[in-house]
Protein backbone atom coordinates (compact mmCIF):
# COMPACT_ATOMS: atom_id res chain seq x y z
CA MET A 1 118.83 0.51 104.32
CA LYS A 2 121.44 -0.51 106.83
CA LYS A 3 120.34 1.43 109.92
CA GLU A 4 123.25 0.55 112.22
CA ALA A 5 125.80 1.40 109.59
CA MET A 6 124.03 4.66 108.85
CA LYS A 7 124.21 5.63 112.57
CA VAL A 8 127.97 4.89 112.64
CA LEU A 9 128.75 7.03 109.59
CA ASP A 10 126.40 9.87 110.58
CA LYS A 11 127.99 9.90 114.09
CA ALA A 12 131.44 10.21 112.52
CA ASN A 13 130.26 13.01 110.29
CA ASN A 14 128.65 14.81 113.22
CA ILE A 15 131.95 14.75 115.15
CA LEU A 16 133.57 16.65 112.31
CA ARG A 17 130.68 19.04 111.65
CA GLU A 18 132.09 21.68 113.97
CA SER A 19 135.52 21.49 112.45
CA PRO A 20 136.63 23.94 109.69
CA LEU A 21 136.62 21.09 107.15
CA SER A 22 134.35 21.17 104.08
CA LYS A 23 131.79 18.41 103.63
CA LEU A 24 133.94 16.55 101.08
CA GLU A 25 137.01 16.83 103.28
CA ARG A 26 134.98 15.29 106.18
CA TYR A 27 133.95 12.40 103.93
CA LYS A 28 137.53 11.86 102.84
CA LEU A 29 138.68 11.57 106.46
CA ILE A 30 135.88 9.29 107.47
CA ILE A 31 136.31 6.93 104.49
CA SER A 32 140.12 6.87 104.80
CA LEU A 33 139.91 5.96 108.51
CA ILE A 34 137.33 3.24 107.85
CA THR A 35 139.58 1.94 105.03
CA TYR A 36 142.61 1.96 107.36
CA HIS A 37 140.60 0.11 110.01
CA HIS A 38 139.27 -2.31 107.38
CA ILE A 39 142.79 -3.12 106.11
CA SER A 40 143.99 -3.62 109.73
CA TYR A 41 141.03 -5.78 110.61
CA HIS A 42 141.49 -8.09 107.63
CA GLN A 43 145.21 -8.46 108.21
CA GLU A 44 144.61 -9.45 111.81
CA ILE A 45 142.10 -12.05 110.73
CA MET A 46 143.98 -13.37 107.66
CA GLY A 47 147.50 -13.39 109.04
CA LYS A 48 150.76 -11.49 108.71
CA ARG A 49 150.80 -10.82 105.00
CA VAL A 50 147.56 -10.72 103.08
CA LEU A 51 148.24 -11.24 99.40
CA ASN A 52 145.11 -12.23 97.57
CA HIS A 53 142.80 -10.48 95.14
CA ARG A 54 140.51 -9.02 97.75
CA TYR A 55 143.08 -7.71 100.26
CA PRO A 56 146.43 -7.34 98.51
CA TYR A 57 148.17 -5.12 101.01
CA TYR A 58 150.53 -5.29 103.93
CA LEU A 59 150.54 -3.39 107.25
CA PRO A 60 153.69 -3.28 109.35
CA GLU A 61 152.87 -4.90 112.70
CA HIS A 62 153.13 -1.63 114.67
CA CYS A 63 150.75 0.18 112.23
CA HIS A 64 147.57 -1.67 113.12
CA PHE A 65 144.55 0.40 114.00
CA ASN A 66 144.28 -1.21 117.47
CA ASN A 67 147.77 -0.01 118.27
CA LEU A 68 146.73 3.52 117.23
CA VAL A 69 143.72 3.42 119.47
CA ASN A 70 145.82 2.27 122.42
CA SER A 71 148.46 4.97 121.89
CA ASP A 72 148.67 8.17 123.94
CA ARG A 73 145.91 10.66 122.94
CA TYR A 74 148.44 13.47 122.90
CA SER A 75 150.61 11.74 120.34
CA LEU A 76 147.78 10.04 118.40
CA LYS A 77 147.81 12.48 115.46
CA GLU A 78 151.58 12.09 114.93
CA GLN A 79 151.25 8.32 115.25
CA LEU A 80 148.33 8.23 112.75
CA ILE A 81 150.27 10.27 110.19
CA SER A 82 153.40 8.14 110.66
CA ASN A 83 151.37 4.92 110.28
CA LEU A 84 149.68 6.11 107.09
CA VAL A 85 152.96 7.23 105.51
CA GLU A 86 154.47 3.91 106.35
CA ILE A 87 151.45 1.96 105.01
CA GLU A 88 151.60 3.86 101.74
CA ALA A 89 155.38 3.17 101.48
CA GLU A 90 154.80 -0.56 101.99
CA ASN A 91 152.03 -0.76 99.39
CA ASP A 92 152.76 0.86 96.06
CA PHE A 93 149.14 0.99 94.95
CA LEU A 94 148.13 2.93 98.09
CA ASN A 95 150.43 5.91 97.29
CA ASP A 96 148.75 9.22 98.12
CA ILE A 97 145.47 7.57 98.84
CA PHE A 98 145.22 8.84 102.44
CA PRO A 99 144.56 12.57 102.90
CA ILE A 100 147.57 13.14 105.15
CA SER A 101 147.46 16.89 104.80
CA LEU A 102 143.90 16.98 106.13
CA PHE A 103 144.92 14.90 109.14
CA GLN A 104 147.82 17.28 109.70
CA HIS A 105 145.58 20.30 109.78
CA LEU A 106 142.78 18.80 111.84
CA ASP A 107 142.63 19.67 115.49
CA SER A 108 143.64 16.72 117.63
CA TYR A 109 140.40 16.87 119.57
CA TYR A 110 138.32 16.05 116.46
CA LEU A 111 140.79 13.40 115.33
CA VAL A 112 140.83 11.57 118.64
CA GLU A 113 136.98 11.58 118.76
CA LEU A 114 136.72 10.41 115.18
CA ILE A 115 139.22 7.58 115.56
CA MET A 116 137.57 6.33 118.75
CA SER A 117 134.13 6.54 117.24
CA ILE A 118 135.14 4.52 114.17
CA HIS A 119 137.05 2.01 116.24
CA TYR A 120 134.28 1.30 118.76
CA SER A 121 131.53 1.14 116.18
CA TYR A 122 133.47 -0.72 113.42
CA ASP A 123 131.92 -4.12 114.47
CA ARG A 124 128.40 -2.66 114.02
CA LEU A 125 129.36 -1.28 110.64
CA ILE A 126 130.79 -4.63 109.46
CA SER A 127 127.94 -6.72 110.97
CA ASP A 128 125.45 -4.52 109.12
CA CYS A 129 127.35 -4.31 105.81
CA GLY A 130 129.35 -7.54 105.72
CA THR A 131 131.58 -7.71 102.67
CA GLN A 132 129.58 -4.97 100.97
CA ILE A 133 131.10 -2.12 102.99
CA GLY A 134 132.42 -0.38 99.87
CA ALA A 135 129.04 -0.52 98.14
CA PHE A 136 127.37 0.82 101.34
CA LEU A 137 129.81 3.71 101.63
CA GLN A 138 128.99 4.62 98.05
CA GLU A 139 125.25 4.45 98.92
CA TRP A 140 125.82 6.64 102.00
CA LEU A 141 127.83 9.26 100.12
CA SER A 142 125.43 9.45 97.08
CA PRO A 143 122.74 11.74 98.51
CA ARG A 144 125.35 13.80 100.38
CA VAL A 145 127.51 14.76 97.48
CA GLY A 146 125.06 14.39 94.62
CA ASN A 147 126.08 12.83 91.34
CA PHE A 148 129.64 11.65 91.86
CA GLY A 149 130.91 12.69 88.50
CA SER A 150 134.10 14.76 88.53
CA ASP A 151 133.30 16.29 91.88
CA LEU A 152 134.28 13.12 93.79
CA PRO A 153 137.82 13.57 94.94
CA VAL A 154 140.20 11.02 93.44
CA GLN A 155 141.32 9.84 96.92
CA VAL A 156 137.71 9.11 97.95
CA ALA A 157 137.07 7.17 94.71
CA GLU A 158 140.26 5.19 95.20
CA LEU A 159 139.38 4.32 98.81
CA MET A 160 135.88 3.21 97.84
CA LEU A 161 137.32 1.04 95.04
CA LEU A 162 139.84 -0.42 97.48
CA LEU A 163 137.05 -1.33 99.89
CA LEU A 164 135.01 -2.88 97.05
CA GLY A 165 137.94 -5.21 96.30
CA PHE A 166 137.50 -5.77 92.62
CA LYS A 167 139.30 -8.65 90.91
CA GLN A 168 141.21 -8.10 87.66
CA ASN A 169 138.97 -8.66 84.59
CA GLU A 170 135.88 -8.62 86.75
CA ASP A 171 132.64 -7.17 85.37
CA ILE A 172 131.18 -4.59 87.68
CA TYR A 173 128.27 -2.25 87.90
CA ASP A 174 129.39 1.24 87.35
CA PRO A 175 128.34 3.46 90.35
CA SER A 176 128.48 6.63 88.28
CA PHE A 177 125.46 6.08 86.15
CA SER A 178 127.33 4.19 83.42
CA VAL A 179 129.80 6.93 82.57
CA GLY A 180 132.71 5.40 84.49
CA ARG A 181 134.01 8.71 85.92
CA MET A 182 134.64 7.24 89.35
CA LEU A 183 136.45 4.25 88.01
CA ILE A 184 138.52 6.32 85.60
CA SER A 185 139.48 8.78 88.36
């Protein structure tokens, strides 16, 4: 088990534990912010426009996660929502993948703490998981939400699949005990 990565995700979950969000809503927010950070991280490493089978998305320059972290804490929520809307607009396959309504209803205090926690611990998460971050998130979620089946929100499934970075026509191991519900979602 990846101990450092577990600490990172459990800390993020603990930040939101006092919020009025349900368990699945907390997981949606955590995974979507990690996905956002992951996309931003890879674009910074790979260059301006990343167009390959693993990372086929584009972030406008001002929408990088680092810019969000460096923005004013009082406007961070509005900046995050604006960034996510713009990212979805620039990438057709990301439409409605980020739980924007959850971000809108979350108190800014929790959001700032969550964003800072994910940002400052992202390197530990990546160093512990490497390119297997999507598989690790699936492993982390599994005992928390039980059998994925139809209970896994579509957005969470899509974010996990995005992080896994499948190629077209690639054979994969089905994480839903061979029934394919997560992949069909």
